[in-house]
């Protein structure tokens, strides 16, 4: 968060002072990385709260709601950047007087931020995989996307440095490309949030792994009515398992506990496992 705040503020400030639409767009893209940090932090803090009188299923949906709001804000920012850049590009094409772009500082700032964001990507992906936290892994990819955006901005500004005033059109043109990239990111964030709101199932590989564990658990003769859904970057599931009909209630409960423990040990993203025990025919 500290790195993203610093980069976002520096890019937008320098871009405004040097009249560089490309660097401002890159700064807003860095802001999208910061914005994606917010719902992840909210999920780590708020979603960990236990269920209460008004939230019987916990607070994991807070992450989903925050992602949806952030995605809409990013889409609006992308539209604003694109509109201003198109207006400026129109002035270039029709030879209207426009402010002179000072590409020196914006170029070096954009170029320097790329390796920083790539380092953030590597660190967050490592931590996310080690902790089996897919929200952190997904957030890591936002940093890599920002690294690519910084390189694109540097390329456009480098063209302005080399070509001089005749190539100033590259600055708003790069801003338009980055705005489109930002719009794609925002639509992806909103799409992921919307899919969770309609209880989309986790990836097929996750489902297959759960089914394998269920089939291999001692005492489980068969299972059915298996369901799973994504919730705030995590997974909730329920399943009916069939056991020896002559077992005691305590023995059947022990099998259900074994199923729950093995599933959660295999995948830390699965936060709730509801097991219904039935007698096998």
C-alpha atoms as a PDB file:
ATOM      1  CA  UNK A   1       0.000   0.000   0.000  1.00  0.00           C
ATOM      2  CA  UNK A   2       2.788   2.439   0.888  1.00  0.00           C
ATOM      3  CA  UNK A   3       4.563   1.821  -2.425  1.00  0.00           C
ATOM      4  CA  UNK A   4       1.351   2.179  -4.430  1.00  0.00           C
ATOM      5  CA  UNK A   5       0.396   5.418  -2.640  1.00  0.00           C
ATOM      6  CA  UNK A   6       3.848   6.874  -3.356  1.00  0.00           C
ATOM      7  CA  UNK A   7       3.867   5.859  -7.031  1.00  0.00           C
ATOM      8  CA  UNK A   8       0.293   6.989  -7.645  1.00  0.00           C
ATOM      9  CA  UNK A   9       0.838  10.406  -6.084  1.00  0.00           C
ATOM     10  CA  UNK A  10       4.195  10.957  -7.779  1.00  0.00           C
ATOM     11  CA  UNK A  11       2.954   9.990 -11.247  1.00  0.00           C
ATOM     12  CA  UNK A  12      -0.202  12.084 -11.129  1.00  0.00           C
ATOM     13  CA  UNK A  13       1.665  15.109  -9.690  1.00  0.00           C
ATOM     14  CA  UNK A  14       4.566  14.952 -12.165  1.00  0.00           C
ATOM     15  CA  UNK A  15       2.163  14.198 -15.020  1.00  0.00           C
ATOM     16  CA  UNK A  16       0.100  17.275 -14.184  1.00  0.00           C
ATOM     17  CA  UNK A  17       3.149  19.536 -13.823  1.00  0.00           C
ATOM     18  CA  UNK A  18       4.730  18.265 -17.059  1.00  0.00           C
ATOM     19  CA  UNK A  19       1.386  18.096 -18.922  1.00  0.00           C
ATOM     20  CA  UNK A  20       1.771  14.383 -19.652  1.00  0.00           C
ATOM     21  CA  UNK A  21      -1.541  12.583 -20.168  1.00  0.00           C
ATOM     22  CA  UNK A  22       0.322   9.270 -20.477  1.00  0.00           C
ATOM     23  CA  UNK A  23       1.903   9.562 -17.025  1.00  0.00           C
ATOM     24  CA  UNK A  24      -1.392  10.658 -15.460  1.00  0.00           C
ATOM     25  CA  UNK A  25      -3.062   7.601 -16.978  1.00  0.00           C
ATOM     26  CA  UNK A  26      -0.242   5.420 -15.675  1.00  0.00           C
ATOM     27  CA  UNK A  27      -0.683   7.042 -12.251  1.00  0.00           C
ATOM     28  CA  UNK A  28      -4.387   6.226 -12.232  1.00  0.00           C
ATOM     29  CA  UNK A  29      -3.482   2.660 -13.213  1.00  0.00           C
ATOM     30  CA  UNK A  30      -1.167   2.542 -10.199  1.00  0.00           C
ATOM     31  CA  UNK A  31      -4.148   3.813  -8.238  1.00  0.00           C
ATOM     32  CA  UNK A  32      -6.107   0.804  -9.483  1.00  0.00           C
ATOM     33  CA  UNK A  33      -3.445  -1.385  -7.918  1.00  0.00           C
ATOM     34  CA  UNK A  34      -3.901   0.551  -4.682  1.00  0.00           C
ATOM     35  CA  UNK A  35      -7.661   0.199  -4.988  1.00  0.00           C
ATOM     36  CA  UNK A  36      -7.334  -3.561  -5.340  1.00  0.00           C
ATOM     37  CA  UNK A  37      -5.288  -3.598  -2.112  1.00  0.00           C
ATOM     38  CA  UNK A  38      -8.247  -2.140  -0.213  1.00  0.00           C
ATOM     39  CA  UNK A  39     -10.727  -5.025  -0.660  1.00  0.00           C
ATOM     40  CA  UNK A  40      -7.963  -7.552   0.036  1.00  0.00           C
ATOM     41  CA  UNK A  41      -7.148  -5.802   3.319  1.00  0.00           C
ATOM     42  CA  UNK A  42     -10.871  -5.580   4.081  1.00  0.00           C
ATOM     43  CA  UNK A  43     -11.190  -9.307   3.481  1.00  0.00           C
ATOM     44  CA  UNK A  44      -8.258 -10.072   5.768  1.00  0.00           C
ATOM     45  CA  UNK A  45      -9.632  -7.874   8.575  1.00  0.00           C
ATOM     46  CA  UNK A  46     -13.431  -7.852   8.263  1.00  0.00           C
ATOM     47  CA  UNK A  47     -14.097 -11.257   6.754  1.00  0.00           C
ATOM     48  CA  UNK A  48     -12.271 -12.922   9.633  1.00  0.00           C
ATOM     49  CA  UNK A  49     -14.910 -11.715  12.063  1.00  0.00           C
ATOM     50  CA  UNK A  50     -17.206 -14.480  13.311  1.00  0.00           C
ATOM     51  CA  UNK A  51     -20.882 -14.658  12.449  1.00  0.00           C
ATOM     52  CA  UNK A  52     -23.098 -12.447  14.576  1.00  0.00           C
ATOM     53  CA  UNK A  53     -26.778 -11.756  15.178  1.00  0.00           C
ATOM     54  CA  UNK A  54     -27.201  -9.859  11.890  1.00  0.00           C
ATOM     55  CA  UNK A  55     -24.697 -11.807   9.738  1.00  0.00           C
ATOM     56  CA  UNK A  56     -25.324 -15.499  10.292  1.00  0.00           C
ATOM     57  CA  UNK A  57     -22.954 -16.510   7.489  1.00  0.00           C
ATOM     58  CA  UNK A  58     -20.083 -14.205   8.433  1.00  0.00           C
ATOM     59  CA  UNK A  59     -18.701 -11.165   6.599  1.00  0.00           C
ATOM     60  CA  UNK A  60     -16.932 -12.540   3.520  1.00  0.00           C
ATOM     61  CA  UNK A  61     -19.275 -10.671   1.178  1.00  0.00           C
ATOM     62  CA  UNK A  62     -17.608  -7.403   2.270  1.00  0.00           C
ATOM     63  CA  UNK A  63     -14.734  -8.199  -0.090  1.00  0.00           C
ATOM     64  CA  UNK A  64     -17.144  -8.858  -2.962  1.00  0.00           C
ATOM     65  CA  UNK A  65     -19.031  -5.609  -2.427  1.00  0.00           C
ATOM     66  CA  UNK A  66     -15.816  -3.564  -2.180  1.00  0.00           C
ATOM     67  CA  UNK A  67     -14.475  -5.119  -5.393  1.00  0.00           C
ATOM     68  CA  UNK A  68     -17.675  -4.234  -7.251  1.00  0.00           C
ATOM     69  CA  UNK A  69     -17.549  -0.599  -6.104  1.00  0.00           C
ATOM     70  CA  UNK A  70     -13.831  -0.267  -6.890  1.00  0.00           C
ATOM     71  CA  UNK A  71     -14.338  -1.755 -10.347  1.00  0.00           C
ATOM     72  CA  UNK A  72     -17.061   0.791 -11.134  1.00  0.00           C
ATOM     73  CA  UNK A  73     -14.840   3.651  -9.942  1.00  0.00           C
ATOM     74  CA  UNK A  74     -11.955   2.454 -12.122  1.00  0.00           C
ATOM     75  CA  UNK A  75     -14.228   2.224 -15.154  1.00  0.00           C
ATOM     76  CA  UNK A  76     -15.270   5.840 -14.583  1.00  0.00           C
ATOM     77  CA  UNK A  77     -11.647   6.922 -14.242  1.00  0.00           C
ATOM     78  CA  UNK A  78     -10.752   5.118 -17.484  1.00  0.00           C
ATOM     79  CA  UNK A  79     -13.555   6.919 -19.289  1.00  0.00           C
ATOM     80  CA  UNK A  80     -12.410  10.301 -17.988  1.00  0.00           C
ATOM     81  CA  UNK A  81      -8.791   9.697 -19.025  1.00  0.00           C
ATOM     82  CA  UNK A  82      -9.807   8.508 -22.487  1.00  0.00           C
ATOM     83  CA  UNK A  83     -12.102  11.508 -23.022  1.00  0.00           C
ATOM     84  CA  UNK A  84      -9.426  14.052 -22.110  1.00  0.00           C
ATOM     85  CA  UNK A  85      -6.772  12.260 -24.170  1.00  0.00           C
ATOM     86  CA  UNK A  86      -9.054  12.080 -27.219  1.00  0.00           C
ATOM     87  CA  UNK A  87      -9.777  15.799 -26.881  1.00  0.00           C
ATOM     88  CA  UNK A  88      -6.046  16.533 -26.762  1.00  0.00           C
ATOM     89  CA  UNK A  89      -5.319  14.212 -29.698  1.00  0.00           C
ATOM     90  CA  UNK A  90      -8.019  15.978 -31.695  1.00  0.00           C
ATOM     91  CA  UNK A  91      -6.226  19.286 -31.096  1.00  0.00           C
ATOM     92  CA  UNK A  92      -2.946  17.782 -32.313  1.00  0.00           C
ATOM     93  CA  UNK A  93      -4.560  16.465 -35.496  1.00  0.00           C
ATOM     94  CA  UNK A  94      -6.172  19.819 -36.295  1.00  0.00           C
ATOM     95  CA  UNK A  95      -3.036  21.792 -35.347  1.00  0.00           C
ATOM     96  CA  UNK A  96      -4.695  23.658 -32.492  1.00  0.00           C
ATOM     97  CA  UNK A  97      -2.373  25.229 -29.893  1.00  0.00           C
ATOM     98  CA  UNK A  98      -1.706  22.784 -27.049  1.00  0.00           C
ATOM     99  CA  UNK A  99       0.570  22.869 -23.972  1.00  0.00           C
ATOM    100  CA  UNK A 100       4.103  21.619 -24.552  1.00  0.00           C
ATOM    101  CA  UNK A 101       4.708  18.189 -23.010  1.00  0.00           C
ATOM    102  CA  UNK A 102       7.856  17.998 -20.885  1.00  0.00           C
ATOM    103  CA  UNK A 103       8.628  14.303 -21.314  1.00  0.00           C
ATOM    104  CA  UNK A 104      11.923  14.037 -19.403  1.00  0.00           C
ATOM    105  CA  UNK A 105      10.815  13.498 -15.809  1.00  0.00           C
ATOM    106  CA  UNK A 106       7.659  11.549 -16.759  1.00  0.00           C
ATOM    107  CA  UNK A 107       9.749   9.170 -18.898  1.00  0.00           C
ATOM    108  CA  UNK A 108      12.224   8.332 -16.133  1.00  0.00           C
ATOM    109  CA  UNK A 109       9.513   8.015 -13.483  1.00  0.00           C
ATOM    110  CA  UNK A 110       7.474   5.622 -15.612  1.00  0.00           C
ATOM    111  CA  UNK A 111      10.583   3.611 -16.484  1.00  0.00           C
ATOM    112  CA  UNK A 112      11.728   3.380 -12.836  1.00  0.00           C
ATOM    113  CA  UNK A 113       8.332   2.225 -11.568  1.00  0.00           C
ATOM    114  CA  UNK A 114       8.229  -0.888 -13.799  1.00  0.00           C
ATOM    115  CA  UNK A 115      10.855  -2.978 -11.894  1.00  0.00           C
ATOM    116  CA  UNK A 116       9.356  -1.845  -8.572  1.00  0.00           C
ATOM    117  CA  UNK A 117       5.936  -3.192  -9.542  1.00  0.00           C
ATOM    118  CA  UNK A 118       7.463  -6.410 -10.873  1.00  0.00           C
ATOM    119  CA  UNK A 119       9.182  -6.914  -7.511  1.00  0.00           C
ATOM    120  CA  UNK A 120       5.825  -6.383  -5.763  1.00  0.00           C
ATOM    121  CA  UNK A 121       4.310  -9.005  -8.058  1.00  0.00           C
ATOM    122  CA  UNK A 122       6.962 -11.578  -7.184  1.00  0.00           C
ATOM    123  CA  UNK A 123       6.658 -10.964  -3.421  1.00  0.00           C
ATOM    124  CA  UNK A 124       2.851 -11.007  -3.299  1.00  0.00           C
ATOM    125  CA  UNK A 125       2.580 -14.086  -5.507  1.00  0.00           C
ATOM    126  CA  UNK A 126       5.068 -15.949  -3.284  1.00  0.00           C
ATOM    127  CA  UNK A 127       3.215 -14.988  -0.095  1.00  0.00           C
ATOM    128  CA  UNK A 128      -0.202 -15.739  -1.607  1.00  0.00           C
ATOM    129  CA  UNK A 129       0.849 -19.204  -2.750  1.00  0.00           C
ATOM    130  CA  UNK A 130       2.557 -19.990   0.537  1.00  0.00           C
ATOM    131  CA  UNK A 131      -0.549 -18.955   2.493  1.00  0.00           C
ATOM    132  CA  UNK A 132      -2.954 -20.530  -0.066  1.00  0.00           C
ATOM    133  CA  UNK A 133      -4.729 -17.170  -0.313  1.00  0.00           C
ATOM    134  CA  UNK A 134      -6.027 -16.689  -3.848  1.00  0.00           C
ATOM    135  CA  UNK A 135      -7.104 -13.093  -3.145  1.00  0.00           C
ATOM    136  CA  UNK A 136      -3.462 -12.150  -2.570  1.00  0.00           C
ATOM    137  CA  UNK A 137      -2.344 -14.073  -5.683  1.00  0.00           C
ATOM    138  CA  UNK A 138      -4.921 -12.286  -7.848  1.00  0.00           C
ATOM    139  CA  UNK A 139      -3.846  -8.955  -6.357  1.00  0.00           C
ATOM    140  CA  UNK A 140      -0.255  -9.766  -7.301  1.00  0.00           C
ATOM    141  CA  UNK A 141      -1.214  -9.937 -10.971  1.00  0.00           C
ATOM    142  CA  UNK A 142      -2.542  -6.367 -10.740  1.00  0.00           C
ATOM    143  CA  UNK A 143       1.017  -5.295  -9.915  1.00  0.00           C
ATOM    144  CA  UNK A 144       2.381  -7.081 -12.976  1.00  0.00           C
ATOM    145  CA  UNK A 145      -0.268  -5.405 -15.130  1.00  0.00           C
ATOM    146  CA  UNK A 146       0.819  -2.056 -13.701  1.00  0.00           C
ATOM    147  CA  UNK A 147       4.438  -2.879 -14.579  1.00  0.00           C
ATOM    148  CA  UNK A 148       3.403  -3.447 -18.210  1.00  0.00           C
ATOM    149  CA  UNK A 149       1.412  -0.193 -18.180  1.00  0.00           C
ATOM    150  CA  UNK A 150       4.457   1.705 -16.885  1.00  0.00           C
ATOM    151  CA  UNK A 151       6.587   0.282 -19.705  1.00  0.00           C
ATOM    152  CA  UNK A 152       3.947   1.325 -22.246  1.00  0.00           C
ATOM    153  CA  UNK A 153       3.897   4.856 -20.818  1.00  0.00           C
ATOM    154  CA  UNK A 154       7.693   5.008 -20.891  1.00  0.00           C
ATOM    155  CA  UNK A 155       7.686   3.892 -24.523  1.00  0.00           C
ATOM    156  CA  UNK A 156       5.272   6.648 -25.526  1.00  0.00           C
ATOM    157  CA  UNK A 157       7.136   9.308 -23.570  1.00  0.00           C
ATOM    158  CA  UNK A 158      10.431   8.066 -24.982  1.00  0.00           C
ATOM    159  CA  UNK A 159       9.023   8.663 -28.447  1.00  0.00           C
ATOM    160  CA  UNK A 160       8.203  12.235 -27.466  1.00  0.00           C
ATOM    161  CA  UNK A 161      11.770  12.712 -26.170  1.00  0.00           C
ATOM    162  CA  UNK A 162      13.295  11.388 -29.379  1.00  0.00           C
ATOM    163  CA  UNK A 163      10.903  12.934 -31.889  1.00  0.00           C
ATOM    164  CA  UNK A 164      10.366  16.277 -30.171  1.00  0.00           C
ATOM    165  CA  UNK A 165       7.270  18.383 -30.783  1.00  0.00           C
ATOM    166  CA  UNK A 166       6.388  16.492 -33.966  1.00  0.00           C
ATOM    167  CA  UNK A 167       5.820  13.343 -31.915  1.00  0.00           C
ATOM    168  CA  UNK A 168       3.862  14.913 -29.066  1.00  0.00           C
ATOM    169  CA  UNK A 169       0.761  13.064 -30.258  1.00  0.00           C
ATOM    170  CA  UNK A 170       2.294   9.879 -28.767  1.00  0.00           C
ATOM    171  CA  UNK A 171       1.552  11.147 -25.263  1.00  0.00           C
ATOM    172  CA  UNK A 172      -2.274  11.312 -25.555  1.00  0.00           C
ATOM    173  CA  UNK A 173      -2.236   8.244 -27.801  1.00  0.00           C
ATOM    174  CA  UNK A 174      -0.453   6.253 -25.084  1.00  0.00           C
ATOM    175  CA  UNK A 175      -2.948   7.609 -22.539  1.00  0.00           C
ATOM    176  CA  UNK A 176      -5.816   6.241 -24.638  1.00  0.00           C
ATOM    177  CA  UNK A 177      -4.168   2.800 -24.784  1.00  0.00           C
ATOM    178  CA  UNK A 178      -3.617   2.809 -21.027  1.00  0.00           C
ATOM    179  CA  UNK A 179      -7.217   3.919 -20.430  1.00  0.00           C
ATOM    180  CA  UNK A 180      -8.397   0.950 -22.470  1.00  0.00           C
ATOM    181  CA  UNK A 181      -6.138  -1.314 -20.428  1.00  0.00           C
ATOM    182  CA  UNK A 182      -7.547   0.182 -17.217  1.00  0.00           C
ATOM    183  CA  UNK A 183     -11.095  -0.397 -18.468  1.00  0.00           C
ATOM    184  CA  UNK A 184     -10.291  -4.075 -19.080  1.00  0.00           C
ATOM    185  CA  UNK A 185      -8.943  -4.370 -15.512  1.00  0.00           C
ATOM    186  CA  UNK A 186     -12.060  -2.705 -14.076  1.00  0.00           C
ATOM    187  CA  UNK A 187     -14.404  -4.951 -16.072  1.00  0.00           C
ATOM    188  CA  UNK A 188     -12.495  -8.009 -14.897  1.00  0.00           C
ATOM    189  CA  UNK A 189     -12.769  -6.895 -11.256  1.00  0.00           C
ATOM    190  CA  UNK A 190     -16.512  -6.262 -11.605  1.00  0.00           C
ATOM    191  CA  UNK A 191     -16.994  -9.548 -13.454  1.00  0.00           C
ATOM    192  CA  UNK A 192     -15.284 -11.518 -10.697  1.00  0.00           C
ATOM    193  CA  UNK A 193     -17.337  -9.742  -8.026  1.00  0.00           C
ATOM    194  CA  UNK A 194     -20.591 -10.287  -9.911  1.00  0.00           C
ATOM    195  CA  UNK A 195     -19.820 -13.988 -10.379  1.00  0.00           C
ATOM    196  CA  UNK A 196     -19.402 -14.361  -6.621  1.00  0.00           C
ATOM    197  CA  UNK A 197     -22.702 -12.603  -5.995  1.00  0.00           C
ATOM    198  CA  UNK A 198     -24.435 -15.294  -8.071  1.00  0.00           C
ATOM    199  CA  UNK A 199     -22.549 -18.057  -6.223  1.00  0.00           C
ATOM    200  CA  UNK A 200     -20.271 -19.238  -9.008  1.00  0.00           C
ATOM    201  CA  UNK A 201     -18.556 -22.557  -8.346  1.00  0.00           C
ATOM    202  CA  UNK A 202     -14.761 -22.599  -7.856  1.00  0.00           C
ATOM    203  CA  UNK A 203     -12.391 -23.740 -10.600  1.00  0.00           C
ATOM    204  CA  UNK A 204     -12.876 -27.257 -11.906  1.00  0.00           C
ATOM    205  CA  UNK A 205      -9.472 -28.324 -10.589  1.00  0.00           C
ATOM    206  CA  UNK A 206     -10.556 -27.327  -7.067  1.00  0.00           C
ATOM    207  CA  UNK A 207     -13.783 -29.318  -7.405  1.00  0.00           C
ATOM    208  CA  UNK A 208     -11.956 -32.376  -8.749  1.00  0.00           C
ATOM    209  CA  UNK A 209      -9.502 -32.270  -5.841  1.00  0.00           C
ATOM    210  CA  UNK A 210     -12.360 -32.128  -3.314  1.00  0.00           C
ATOM    211  CA  UNK A 211     -14.120 -35.064  -4.955  1.00  0.00           C
ATOM    212  CA  UNK A 212     -10.905 -37.085  -4.869  1.00  0.00           C
ATOM    213  CA  UNK A 213     -10.467 -36.404  -1.145  1.00  0.00           C
ATOM    214  CA  UNK A 214     -14.082 -37.361  -0.429  1.00  0.00           C
ATOM    215  CA  UNK A 215     -13.733 -40.641  -2.308  1.00  0.00           C
ATOM    216  CA  UNK A 216     -10.477 -41.506  -0.503  1.00  0.00           C
ATOM    217  CA  UNK A 217     -11.652 -40.669   3.040  1.00  0.00           C
ATOM    218  CA  UNK A 218     -11.878 -43.710   5.286  1.00  0.00           C
ATOM    219  CA  UNK A 219     -15.476 -44.606   6.190  1.00  0.00           C
ATOM    220  CA  UNK A 220     -17.073 -42.831   3.216  1.00  0.00           C
ATOM    221  CA  UNK A 221     -18.774 -45.401   0.981  1.00  0.00           C
ATOM    222  CA  UNK A 222     -20.092 -42.807  -1.476  1.00  0.00           C
ATOM    223  CA  UNK A 223     -21.184 -39.188  -1.648  1.00  0.00           C
ATOM    224  CA  UNK A 224     -23.650 -37.005  -3.532  1.00  0.00           C
ATOM    225  CA  UNK A 225     -25.271 -33.542  -3.496  1.00  0.00           C
ATOM    226  CA  UNK A 226     -21.812 -31.961  -3.588  1.00  0.00           C
ATOM    227  CA  UNK A 227     -21.968 -28.165  -3.929  1.00  0.00           C
ATOM    228  CA  UNK A 228     -19.350 -25.425  -3.683  1.00  0.00           C
ATOM    229  CA  UNK A 229     -19.360 -21.662  -4.176  1.00  0.00           C
ATOM    230  CA  UNK A 230     -16.880 -18.811  -4.137  1.00  0.00           C
ATOM    231  CA  UNK A 231     -17.269 -16.280  -1.361  1.00  0.00           C
ATOM    232  CA  UNK A 232     -14.943 -13.319  -0.825  1.00  0.00           C
ATOM    233  CA  UNK A 233     -12.028 -15.090  -2.498  1.00  0.00           C
ATOM    234  CA  UNK A 234     -12.666 -18.200  -0.416  1.00  0.00           C
ATOM    235  CA  UNK A 235     -14.741 -21.364  -0.942  1.00  0.00           C
ATOM    236  CA  UNK A 236     -17.700 -22.780   0.961  1.00  0.00           C
ATOM    237  CA  UNK A 237     -19.048 -26.276   0.270  1.00  0.00           C
ATOM    238  CA  UNK A 238     -21.498 -28.873   1.480  1.00  0.00           C
ATOM    239  CA  UNK A 239     -21.860 -32.567   0.683  1.00  0.00           C
ATOM    240  CA  UNK A 240     -23.866 -35.647   1.665  1.00  0.00           C
ATOM    241  CA  UNK A 241     -21.718 -38.683   2.512  1.00  0.00           C
ATOM    242  CA  UNK A 242     -23.022 -42.219   2.866  1.00  0.00           C
ATOM    243  CA  UNK A 243     -21.586 -44.455   5.598  1.00  0.00           C
ATOM    244  CA  UNK A 244     -22.180 -47.884   7.082  1.00  0.00           C
ATOM    245  CA  UNK A 245     -25.809 -47.808   8.298  1.00  0.00           C
ATOM    246  CA  UNK A 246     -24.914 -49.846  11.428  1.00  0.00           C
ATOM    247  CA  UNK A 247     -22.478 -47.258  12.788  1.00  0.00           C
ATOM    248  CA  UNK A 248     -23.293 -45.317  15.938  1.00  0.00           C
ATOM    249  CA  UNK A 249     -24.108 -41.620  15.732  1.00  0.00           C
ATOM    250  CA  UNK A 250     -20.722 -40.870  17.288  1.00  0.00           C
ATOM    251  CA  UNK A 251     -18.889 -42.945  14.653  1.00  0.00           C
ATOM    252  CA  UNK A 252     -20.790 -41.244  11.825  1.00  0.00           C
ATOM    253  CA  UNK A 253     -19.958 -37.860  13.296  1.00  0.00           C
ATOM    254  CA  UNK A 254     -16.288 -38.838  13.470  1.00  0.00           C
ATOM    255  CA  UNK A 255     -16.324 -39.637   9.743  1.00  0.00           C
ATOM    256  CA  UNK A 256     -17.915 -36.260   8.977  1.00  0.00           C
ATOM    257  CA  UNK A 257     -15.224 -34.539  11.056  1.00  0.00           C
ATOM    258  CA  UNK A 258     -12.540 -36.490   9.195  1.00  0.00           C
ATOM    259  CA  UNK A 259     -13.979 -35.361   5.851  1.00  0.00           C
ATOM    260  CA  UNK A 260     -14.041 -31.732   6.976  1.00  0.00           C
ATOM    261  CA  UNK A 261     -10.487 -31.847   8.319  1.00  0.00           C
ATOM    262  CA  UNK A 262      -8.982 -33.520   5.240  1.00  0.00           C
ATOM    263  CA  UNK A 263     -10.678 -31.132   2.798  1.00  0.00           C
ATOM    264  CA  UNK A 264      -9.540 -28.022   4.669  1.00  0.00           C
ATOM    265  CA  UNK A 265      -6.023 -29.358   5.132  1.00  0.00           C
ATOM    266  CA  UNK A 266      -5.766 -29.948   1.372  1.00  0.00           C
ATOM    267  CA  UNK A 267      -6.950 -26.452   0.414  1.00  0.00           C
ATOM    268  CA  UNK A 268      -6.672 -23.504   2.824  1.00  0.00           C
ATOM    269  CA  UNK A 269      -9.069 -21.432   0.691  1.00  0.00           C
ATOM    270  CA  UNK A 270     -11.971 -23.671   1.769  1.00  0.00           C
ATOM    271  CA  UNK A 271     -13.293 -21.959   4.884  1.00  0.00           C
ATOM    272  CA  UNK A 272     -16.466 -23.945   5.505  1.00  0.00           C
ATOM    273  CA  UNK A 273     -17.350 -27.602   4.942  1.00  0.00           C
ATOM    274  CA  UNK A 274     -20.843 -28.805   5.864  1.00  0.00           C
ATOM    275  CA  UNK A 275     -21.128 -32.603   5.871  1.00  0.00           C
ATOM    276  CA  UNK A 276     -24.475 -34.413   6.063  1.00  0.00           C
ATOM    277  CA  UNK A 277     -24.206 -38.085   7.039  1.00  0.00           C
ATOM    278  CA  UNK A 278     -26.585 -40.656   5.516  1.00  0.00           C
ATOM    279  CA  UNK A 279     -26.841 -44.436   5.823  1.00  0.00           C
ATOM    280  CA  UNK A 280     -25.608 -46.272   2.724  1.00  0.00           C
ATOM    281  CA  UNK A 281     -28.023 -48.717   1.126  1.00  0.00           C
END
